[in-house]
Amino acid sequence: MKIAFMSDIHGVPSKLAAALAAAYALGFDRLVLLGDLLYHGPRNGVPNFYDPEKVAAMLNARKERIIAVRGNCDAEVDQMMFEFPMMSDYAVLDAGTETFFLTHGHLWNEFRLPPIGMGTVLVHGHTHVPEQKKLTCGLTIFNPGSVSLPKGGSSCGFGYFDGSALARYCV
């Protein structure tokens, strides 16, 4: 199974379009959305080219492939824009060779680990800073960074699992 991981889109369709184009070039079976899809939050300011309706339409067109979780900026009113569920705090995805615990990162993260087994990959966004590391307990942490509002000197991007390895792609 090939998986594209996207987080922190924050209502910017141009950045989402670039990430989707790159993900389609790689090929993917599932598109995992790690929260903060539409609203930009009070600490981020209004991003350039902010258009949450367009982002919703772009994602709805791919609803059959999407697994989504709720971010800290997502609200029940956002769910009304989508044709797929996105209000769960987490999801678990068995990809054959890997098991992924999918969450936004504001509830479950490296410092507050979910009750998951060793060998599971904890995939989250929230910080807008990409990261990939293995903890001493055997758990892998993977953060693809932000599609539209990168922080910490990083660039816009998304994560990708090709069936055997995780990688990050800049857009």
Protein backbone atom coordinates (compact mmCIF):
# COMPACT_ATOMS: atom_id res chain seq x y z
CA MET A 1 0.00 0.00 0.00
CA LYS A 2 1.28 3.44 -0.94
CA ILE A 3 0.22 6.32 1.31
CA ALA A 4 0.51 10.11 1.06
CA PHE A 5 0.44 11.89 4.44
CA MET A 6 -0.66 15.54 4.43
CA SER A 7 -1.09 17.81 7.41
CA ASP A 8 -1.86 21.42 8.21
CA ILE A 9 -3.32 22.52 4.87
CA HIS A 10 -5.04 25.46 6.60
CA GLY A 11 -7.31 26.34 3.68
CA VAL A 12 -4.63 27.10 1.04
CA PRO A 13 -5.67 25.45 -2.26
CA SER A 14 -2.55 26.38 -4.26
CA LYS A 15 -0.28 24.56 -1.80
CA LEU A 16 -2.67 21.59 -1.64
CA ALA A 17 -2.71 21.40 -5.46
CA ALA A 18 1.10 21.29 -5.56
CA ALA A 19 1.23 18.57 -2.89
CA LEU A 20 -1.47 16.51 -4.62
CA ALA A 21 0.29 16.78 -7.99
CA ALA A 22 3.54 15.52 -6.45
CA ALA A 23 1.71 12.72 -4.61
CA TYR A 24 -0.07 11.63 -7.80
CA ALA A 25 3.27 11.50 -9.60
CA LEU A 26 4.47 9.06 -6.92
CA GLY A 27 1.20 7.12 -6.95
CA PHE A 28 -0.82 6.46 -3.82
CA ASP A 29 -3.62 4.20 -2.64
CA ARG A 30 -4.58 6.22 0.43
CA LEU A 31 -4.44 9.92 1.21
CA VAL A 32 -4.09 10.46 4.97
CA LEU A 33 -5.09 13.91 6.21
CA LEU A 34 -3.64 14.69 9.63
CA GLY A 35 -5.88 17.61 10.54
CA ASP A 36 -6.08 21.39 10.34
CA LEU A 37 -7.63 21.22 6.90
CA LEU A 38 -9.53 24.50 6.55
CA TYR A 39 -9.07 27.02 9.34
CA HIS A 40 -5.71 28.73 9.87
CA GLY A 41 -5.99 29.30 13.63
CA PRO A 42 -5.55 32.59 15.50
CA ARG A 43 -1.76 32.21 15.86
CA ASN A 44 -1.04 31.73 12.16
CA GLY A 45 -2.70 34.75 10.58
CA VAL A 46 -4.59 34.51 7.32
CA PRO A 47 -2.49 32.66 4.73
CA ASN A 48 -2.13 34.00 1.19
CA PHE A 49 -4.77 32.68 -1.18
CA TYR A 50 -6.94 31.37 1.67
CA ASP A 51 -9.98 29.59 0.21
CA PRO A 52 -11.40 26.84 2.46
CA GLU A 53 -14.32 26.13 0.10
CA LYS A 54 -11.93 25.31 -2.72
CA VAL A 55 -9.83 23.09 -0.43
CA ALA A 56 -12.98 21.22 0.63
CA ALA A 57 -13.98 20.70 -3.01
CA MET A 58 -10.49 19.45 -3.92
CA LEU A 59 -10.50 16.94 -1.08
CA ASN A 60 -14.11 15.84 -1.62
CA ALA A 61 -13.17 14.89 -5.18
CA ARG A 62 -10.80 12.31 -3.65
CA LYS A 63 -13.06 11.14 -0.80
CA GLU A 64 -12.81 7.41 -1.66
CA ARG A 65 -9.08 7.41 -0.93
CA ILE A 66 -9.10 9.61 2.21
CA ILE A 67 -8.57 8.73 5.84
CA ALA A 68 -8.73 11.89 7.97
CA VAL A 69 -8.34 12.86 11.61
CA ARG A 70 -9.26 16.07 13.42
CA GLY A 71 -6.72 18.77 14.14
CA ASN A 72 -6.85 21.39 16.89
CA CYS A 73 -8.11 24.00 14.38
CA ASP A 74 -10.84 21.72 12.99
CA ALA A 75 -14.40 22.17 14.25
CA GLU A 76 -17.73 20.42 13.80
CA VAL A 77 -18.76 23.08 11.30
CA ASP A 78 -15.79 22.02 9.12
CA GLN A 79 -17.21 18.49 8.92
CA MET A 80 -20.24 19.99 7.15
CA MET A 81 -17.93 20.93 4.25
CA PHE A 82 -16.59 17.40 3.74
CA GLU A 83 -18.05 14.23 2.24
CA PHE A 84 -15.75 12.03 4.33
CA PRO A 85 -15.35 11.73 8.12
CA MET A 86 -12.67 13.95 9.66
CA MET A 87 -13.62 14.43 13.31
CA SER A 88 -11.92 11.42 14.91
CA ASP A 89 -8.96 12.13 17.19
CA TYR A 90 -7.06 9.19 15.71
CA ALA A 91 -7.22 6.32 13.26
CA VAL A 92 -5.19 3.15 12.85
CA LEU A 93 -4.12 2.04 9.39
CA ASP A 94 -2.67 -1.42 8.75
CA ALA A 95 -0.59 -1.14 5.59
CA GLY A 96 0.64 -4.72 5.53
CA THR A 97 4.28 -4.19 6.42
CA GLU A 98 3.57 -1.29 8.82
CA THR A 99 0.88 -0.21 11.23
CA PHE A 100 0.29 3.53 11.44
CA PHE A 101 -1.31 5.38 14.35
CA LEU A 102 -2.66 8.54 12.71
CA THR A 103 -3.38 11.65 14.75
CA HIS A 104 -2.91 15.40 14.52
CA GLY A 105 -0.34 15.68 17.30
CA HIS A 106 -2.01 18.03 19.77
CA LEU A 107 -3.35 15.10 21.83
CA TRP A 108 -0.97 12.24 21.02
CA ASN A 109 2.71 12.85 20.27
CA GLU A 110 6.25 11.92 21.31
CA PHE A 111 5.71 13.42 24.77
CA ARG A 112 2.27 11.87 25.31
CA LEU A 113 2.40 8.50 23.61
CA PRO A 114 -0.81 6.70 22.71
CA PRO A 115 -1.30 3.14 23.97
CA ILE A 116 0.15 1.40 20.91
CA GLY A 117 2.50 -1.51 20.41
CA MET A 118 6.16 -1.44 19.55
CA GLY A 119 6.81 -1.32 15.85
CA THR A 120 3.88 0.99 15.22
CA VAL A 121 4.58 4.28 13.46
CA LEU A 122 3.08 7.33 15.18
CA VAL A 123 2.24 9.74 12.35
CA HIS A 124 1.23 13.28 13.26
CA GLY A 125 1.44 16.89 12.15
CA HIS A 126 0.55 19.91 14.33
CA THR A 127 4.06 21.36 14.78
CA HIS A 128 4.48 22.25 11.08
CA VAL A 129 8.04 20.93 11.42
CA PRO A 130 8.96 17.67 9.64
CA GLU A 131 10.54 14.94 11.71
CA GLN A 132 11.37 11.27 11.48
CA LYS A 133 13.01 9.37 14.30
CA LYS A 134 12.96 6.13 16.21
CA LEU A 135 12.48 6.34 19.98
CA THR A 136 14.38 4.08 22.36
CA CYS A 137 11.10 2.27 23.12
CA GLY A 138 11.01 1.09 19.49
CA LEU A 139 8.29 3.45 18.31
CA THR A 140 8.86 5.46 15.13
CA ILE A 141 7.70 9.09 14.99
CA PHE A 142 6.91 10.57 11.59
CA ASN A 143 5.75 14.16 11.04
CA PRO A 144 5.41 15.22 7.39
CA GLY A 145 5.42 18.93 8.26
CA SER A 146 2.88 21.36 6.81
CA VAL A 147 1.46 21.50 3.30
CA SER A 148 1.00 25.28 3.49
CA LEU A 149 2.48 26.93 6.61
CA PRO A 150 5.93 25.45 7.32
CA LYS A 151 7.77 26.40 10.49
CA GLY A 152 11.24 25.98 11.92
CA GLY A 153 12.99 26.74 8.65
CA SER A 154 11.33 23.84 6.86
CA SER A 155 9.59 23.94 3.48
CA CYS A 156 6.06 23.03 2.44
CA GLY A 157 5.70 19.32 1.96
CA PHE A 158 4.06 15.99 2.66
CA GLY A 159 5.03 12.48 3.70
CA TYR A 160 4.97 9.32 1.65
CA PHE A 161 5.10 5.60 2.36
CA ASP A 162 5.99 3.52 -0.69
CA GLY A 163 5.15 0.17 0.89
CA SER A 164 8.48 -0.23 2.62
CA ALA A 165 9.97 3.15 3.59
CA LEU A 166 8.85 6.59 4.78
CA ALA A 167 10.08 9.76 3.08
CA ARG A 168 9.24 13.45 2.95
CA TYR A 169 8.70 15.40 -0.24
CA CYS A 170 8.99 19.18 -0.53
CA VAL A 171 6.62 21.11 -2.78
